[in-house]
Amino acid sequence: MRAVKAGYSFNLFPEESLSHINLEPTGGKVCVEGVTYPLYRGTTYAESEKVDRLLDAYGEMPIRDYKVKNREQER
């Protein structure tokens, strides 16, 4: 599973459902049910639109509710 975002929302998707989308890491992480995932996004606006369509079809979760704060931000 891979965590992929568009805007302020994300969801977890199996790798095969993302094979047609070019993704890049955001540097952020989310924790869902005790598992931490690196967060990805589309590399271009067109790729982000593909992610947005997946989120529309499968649902979305707000990043702020699942975001993992790194130690630098907690200080």
N, C-alpha and C. Protein backbone atom coordinates (compact mmCIF):
# COMPACT_ATOMS: atom_id res chain seq x y z
N MET A 1 0.84 -1.18 0.00
CA MET A 1 0.00 0.00 0.00
C MET A 1 0.89 1.24 0.00
N ARG A 2 0.36 2.27 -0.65
CA ARG A 2 1.09 3.54 -0.71
C ARG A 2 0.12 4.67 -0.36
N ALA A 3 0.59 5.60 0.47
CA ALA A 3 -0.20 6.78 0.84
C ALA A 3 0.03 7.86 -0.22
N VAL A 4 -1.07 8.31 -0.84
CA VAL A 4 -0.98 9.29 -1.91
C VAL A 4 -1.95 10.43 -1.63
N LYS A 5 -1.48 11.66 -1.83
CA LYS A 5 -2.28 12.84 -1.51
C LYS A 5 -2.61 13.67 -2.74
N ALA A 6 -3.67 14.44 -2.58
CA ALA A 6 -4.02 15.51 -3.51
C ALA A 6 -4.64 16.59 -2.63
N GLY A 7 -4.07 17.78 -2.67
CA GLY A 7 -4.56 18.84 -1.79
C GLY A 7 -4.27 18.50 -0.34
N TYR A 8 -5.31 18.57 0.49
CA TYR A 8 -5.16 18.30 1.91
C TYR A 8 -5.66 16.92 2.31
N SER A 9 -5.90 16.05 1.34
CA SER A 9 -6.45 14.73 1.61
C SER A 9 -5.58 13.64 1.00
N PHE A 10 -5.72 12.44 1.54
CA PHE A 10 -4.97 11.30 1.03
C PHE A 10 -5.78 10.03 1.23
N ASN A 11 -5.26 8.94 0.67
CA ASN A 11 -5.78 7.61 0.96
C ASN A 11 -4.66 6.62 0.68
N LEU A 12 -4.89 5.38 1.09
CA LEU A 12 -3.94 4.30 0.83
C LEU A 12 -4.42 3.51 -0.38
N PHE A 13 -3.51 3.27 -1.29
CA PHE A 13 -3.85 2.55 -2.52
C PHE A 13 -2.86 1.42 -2.76
N PRO A 14 -3.33 0.29 -3.32
CA PRO A 14 -2.39 -0.75 -3.72
C PRO A 14 -1.55 -0.26 -4.91
N GLU A 15 -0.33 -0.74 -4.98
CA GLU A 15 0.60 -0.32 -6.03
C GLU A 15 0.01 -0.45 -7.43
N GLU A 16 -0.74 -1.54 -7.68
CA GLU A 16 -1.26 -1.75 -9.04
C GLU A 16 -2.25 -0.67 -9.47
N SER A 17 -2.96 -0.06 -8.52
CA SER A 17 -3.90 1.00 -8.90
C SER A 17 -3.20 2.33 -9.17
N LEU A 18 -1.89 2.39 -8.89
CA LEU A 18 -1.13 3.63 -9.09
C LEU A 18 -0.16 3.53 -10.26
N SER A 19 -0.15 2.41 -10.96
CA SER A 19 0.85 2.16 -12.00
C SER A 19 0.80 3.18 -13.15
N HIS A 20 -0.34 3.81 -13.36
CA HIS A 20 -0.48 4.79 -14.45
C HIS A 20 -0.23 6.23 -14.00
N ILE A 21 0.21 6.41 -12.74
CA ILE A 21 0.41 7.75 -12.20
C ILE A 21 1.88 7.92 -11.79
N ASN A 22 2.51 9.00 -12.26
CA ASN A 22 3.87 9.32 -11.85
C ASN A 22 3.83 10.03 -10.50
N LEU A 23 4.51 9.46 -9.52
CA LEU A 23 4.48 9.98 -8.16
C LEU A 23 5.85 10.40 -7.67
N GLU A 24 5.87 11.31 -6.69
CA GLU A 24 7.10 11.72 -6.03
C GLU A 24 6.83 11.83 -4.54
N PRO A 25 7.85 11.59 -3.71
CA PRO A 25 7.65 11.71 -2.26
C PRO A 25 7.49 13.18 -1.86
N THR A 26 6.66 13.42 -0.85
CA THR A 26 6.47 14.78 -0.35
C THR A 26 7.42 15.11 0.78
N GLY A 27 8.00 14.08 1.39
CA GLY A 27 8.83 14.29 2.58
C GLY A 27 8.04 14.13 3.86
N GLY A 28 6.71 14.08 3.74
CA GLY A 28 5.85 13.90 4.90
C GLY A 28 5.50 12.43 5.10
N LYS A 29 4.93 12.14 6.26
CA LYS A 29 4.50 10.79 6.58
C LYS A 29 3.14 10.84 7.26
N VAL A 30 2.38 9.76 7.09
CA VAL A 30 1.09 9.61 7.77
C VAL A 30 1.09 8.26 8.47
N CYS A 31 0.31 8.19 9.55
CA CYS A 31 0.19 6.94 10.32
C CYS A 31 -1.28 6.51 10.30
N VAL A 32 -1.54 5.33 9.75
CA VAL A 32 -2.89 4.79 9.66
C VAL A 32 -2.90 3.44 10.35
N GLU A 33 -3.74 3.31 11.38
CA GLU A 33 -3.88 2.07 12.14
C GLU A 33 -2.53 1.54 12.61
N GLY A 34 -1.68 2.44 13.09
CA GLY A 34 -0.40 2.05 13.65
C GLY A 34 0.71 1.83 12.66
N VAL A 35 0.44 1.98 11.37
CA VAL A 35 1.46 1.79 10.33
C VAL A 35 1.80 3.16 9.74
N THR A 36 3.10 3.47 9.68
CA THR A 36 3.55 4.75 9.12
C THR A 36 3.92 4.57 7.66
N TYR A 37 3.39 5.47 6.84
CA TYR A 37 3.62 5.43 5.39
C TYR A 37 4.23 6.76 4.94
N PRO A 38 5.23 6.72 4.04
CA PRO A 38 5.67 7.97 3.41
C PRO A 38 4.54 8.47 2.51
N LEU A 39 4.41 9.77 2.42
CA LEU A 39 3.32 10.37 1.65
C LEU A 39 3.83 10.78 0.27
N TYR A 40 3.07 10.41 -0.77
CA TYR A 40 3.43 10.72 -2.15
C TYR A 40 2.38 11.64 -2.77
N ARG A 41 2.77 12.28 -3.88
CA ARG A 41 1.87 13.14 -4.66
C ARG A 41 2.20 12.99 -6.13
N GLY A 42 1.30 13.45 -6.97
CA GLY A 42 1.55 13.43 -8.40
C GLY A 42 2.67 14.40 -8.76
N THR A 43 3.48 14.04 -9.76
CA THR A 43 4.63 14.87 -10.14
C THR A 43 4.24 16.15 -10.86
N THR A 44 3.06 16.16 -11.48
CA THR A 44 2.59 17.35 -12.21
C THR A 44 1.12 17.56 -11.86
N TYR A 45 0.59 18.67 -12.32
CA TYR A 45 -0.83 18.96 -12.10
C TYR A 45 -1.69 17.86 -12.72
N ALA A 46 -1.34 17.42 -13.92
CA ALA A 46 -2.11 16.37 -14.61
C ALA A 46 -2.07 15.07 -13.81
N GLU A 47 -0.91 14.73 -13.24
CA GLU A 47 -0.80 13.52 -12.42
C GLU A 47 -1.62 13.67 -11.14
N SER A 48 -1.61 14.87 -10.56
CA SER A 48 -2.41 15.12 -9.35
C SER A 48 -3.90 14.98 -9.62
N GLU A 49 -4.32 15.35 -10.83
CA GLU A 49 -5.73 15.16 -11.20
C GLU A 49 -6.10 13.68 -11.22
N LYS A 50 -5.17 12.82 -11.65
CA LYS A 50 -5.42 11.38 -11.64
C LYS A 50 -5.58 10.88 -10.20
N VAL A 51 -4.73 11.39 -9.30
CA VAL A 51 -4.84 11.03 -7.89
C VAL A 51 -6.18 11.51 -7.34
N ASP A 52 -6.58 12.72 -7.71
CA ASP A 52 -7.85 13.28 -7.25
C ASP A 52 -9.02 12.41 -7.68
N ARG A 53 -8.97 11.88 -8.89
CA ARG A 53 -10.04 10.99 -9.37
C ARG A 53 -10.08 9.70 -8.54
N LEU A 54 -8.91 9.17 -8.17
CA LEU A 54 -8.88 7.98 -7.31
C LEU A 54 -9.49 8.30 -5.94
N LEU A 55 -9.15 9.46 -5.40
CA LEU A 55 -9.70 9.86 -4.10
C LEU A 55 -11.22 10.01 -4.18
N ASP A 56 -11.71 10.55 -5.29
CA ASP A 56 -13.16 10.68 -5.48
C ASP A 56 -13.82 9.30 -5.50
N ALA A 57 -13.16 8.33 -6.12
CA ALA A 57 -13.73 7.00 -6.26
C ALA A 57 -13.64 6.18 -4.97
N TYR A 58 -12.53 6.31 -4.24
CA TYR A 58 -12.28 5.44 -3.09
C TYR A 58 -12.40 6.12 -1.73
N GLY A 59 -12.61 7.42 -1.73
CA GLY A 59 -12.71 8.14 -0.46
C GLY A 59 -11.38 8.77 -0.09
N GLU A 60 -11.44 9.66 0.88
CA GLU A 60 -10.24 10.39 1.27
C GLU A 60 -10.23 10.63 2.77
N MET A 61 -9.03 10.85 3.29
CA MET A 61 -8.85 11.14 4.71
C MET A 61 -8.07 12.45 4.81
N PRO A 62 -8.40 13.29 5.79
CA PRO A 62 -7.65 14.55 5.94
C PRO A 62 -6.24 14.28 6.45
N ILE A 63 -5.25 14.83 5.78
CA ILE A 63 -3.86 14.62 6.18
C ILE A 63 -3.62 15.06 7.62
N ARG A 64 -4.22 16.19 8.03
CA ARG A 64 -3.96 16.73 9.37
C ARG A 64 -4.30 15.74 10.49
N ASP A 65 -5.24 14.83 10.25
CA ASP A 65 -5.63 13.86 11.28
C ASP A 65 -4.67 12.68 11.38
N TYR A 66 -3.80 12.49 10.39
CA TYR A 66 -2.92 11.32 10.34
C TYR A 66 -1.44 11.67 10.21
N LYS A 67 -1.13 12.95 10.08
CA LYS A 67 0.24 13.40 9.84
C LYS A 67 1.16 13.01 10.98
N VAL A 68 2.34 12.51 10.64
CA VAL A 68 3.38 12.20 11.62
C VAL A 68 4.29 13.41 11.69
N LYS A 69 4.39 13.97 12.87
CA LYS A 69 5.26 15.14 13.05
C LYS A 69 6.68 14.66 13.29
N ASN A 70 7.61 15.29 12.60
CA ASN A 70 9.00 14.93 12.87
C ASN A 70 9.47 15.66 14.12
N ARG A 71 10.56 15.23 14.69
CA ARG A 71 11.03 15.77 15.97
C ARG A 71 11.35 17.25 15.88
N GLU A 72 11.79 17.72 14.72
CA GLU A 72 12.10 19.14 14.56
C GLU A 72 10.85 19.99 14.76
N GLN A 73 9.71 19.53 14.26
CA GLN A 73 8.47 20.29 14.36
C GLN A 73 7.90 20.28 15.76
N GLU A 74 8.23 19.25 16.55
CA GLU A 74 7.66 19.14 17.89
C GLU A 74 8.31 20.09 18.89
N ARG A 75 9.50 20.58 18.57
CA ARG A 75 10.22 21.46 19.50
C ARG A 75 9.65 22.82 19.56
